[in-house]
């Protein structure tokens, strides 16, 4: 089975598993599922700004960018 004009999520998944299929770690006949989420929509500019700020704060926490005072 082939995927026609896959989006970025499908392409990312295919590219991620292709080496595993090539090496026989995953069989070509194996059933695969990929659960993927992305972004936000319909919230307008205010929601977008809030989301961007929250994402920035989360990344800062993940990479320990906060400073001690």
Protein backbone atom coordinates (compact mmCIF):
# COMPACT_ATOMS: atom_id res chain seq x y z
CA UNK A 1 0.00 0.00 0.00
CA UNK A 2 1.23 3.50 -0.78
CA UNK A 3 0.38 6.88 0.68
CA UNK A 4 -0.39 9.56 -1.88
CA UNK A 5 0.77 13.12 -1.19
CA UNK A 6 1.45 12.58 2.52
CA UNK A 7 1.56 15.56 4.84
CA UNK A 8 4.45 16.40 7.13
CA UNK A 9 3.30 14.06 9.93
CA UNK A 10 2.93 11.04 7.62
CA UNK A 11 6.22 11.84 5.90
CA UNK A 12 8.02 12.14 9.25
CA UNK A 13 6.63 8.80 10.38
CA UNK A 14 7.56 7.08 7.11
CA UNK A 15 11.09 8.51 7.22
CA UNK A 16 11.48 7.46 10.85
CA UNK A 17 10.50 3.82 10.29
CA UNK A 18 12.08 3.31 6.85
CA UNK A 19 15.56 2.44 8.21
CA UNK A 20 13.98 -0.04 10.63
CA UNK A 21 12.12 -1.72 7.77
CA UNK A 22 15.29 -1.75 5.65
CA UNK A 23 17.20 -3.51 8.45
CA UNK A 24 14.38 -6.00 9.09
CA UNK A 25 13.65 -4.70 12.61
CA UNK A 26 10.11 -3.94 11.44
CA UNK A 27 8.54 -6.21 8.85
CA UNK A 28 6.91 -4.66 5.78
CA UNK A 29 3.67 -6.47 6.66
CA UNK A 30 3.57 -5.15 10.26
CA UNK A 31 0.57 -2.98 11.09
CA UNK A 32 1.76 0.45 12.19
CA UNK A 33 -0.05 3.33 13.83
CA UNK A 34 1.16 6.86 14.39
CA UNK A 35 -0.67 9.21 16.73
CA UNK A 36 0.13 12.82 15.92
CA UNK A 37 -1.04 16.20 17.16
CA UNK A 38 -0.24 19.66 15.91
CA UNK A 39 -0.76 23.32 16.65
CA UNK A 40 -3.96 25.18 17.23
CA UNK A 41 -6.57 26.85 15.08
CA UNK A 42 -9.65 28.99 15.41
CA UNK A 43 -8.45 30.76 18.52
CA UNK A 44 -7.48 34.06 16.93
CA UNK A 45 -4.45 36.26 17.62
CA UNK A 46 -4.92 36.45 21.38
CA UNK A 47 -4.98 32.65 21.73
CA UNK A 48 -1.99 32.41 19.38
CA UNK A 49 0.07 34.85 21.48
CA UNK A 50 -0.82 33.00 24.69
CA UNK A 51 0.03 29.63 23.15
CA UNK A 52 3.36 30.93 21.83
CA UNK A 53 4.25 32.35 25.25
CA UNK A 54 3.34 29.12 27.04
CA UNK A 55 5.39 27.08 24.55
CA UNK A 56 8.39 29.36 25.06
CA UNK A 57 8.11 29.01 28.84
CA UNK A 58 7.83 25.23 28.55
CA UNK A 59 10.93 25.05 26.34
CA UNK A 60 12.83 27.26 28.77
CA UNK A 61 11.90 24.90 31.61
CA UNK A 62 12.83 21.81 29.57
CA UNK A 63 16.26 23.21 28.77
CA UNK A 64 16.75 24.72 32.26
CA UNK A 65 17.04 28.30 30.97
CA UNK A 66 15.48 29.88 34.05
CA UNK A 67 17.84 31.89 36.17
CA UNK A 68 18.08 31.86 39.96
CA UNK A 69 17.82 35.23 41.67
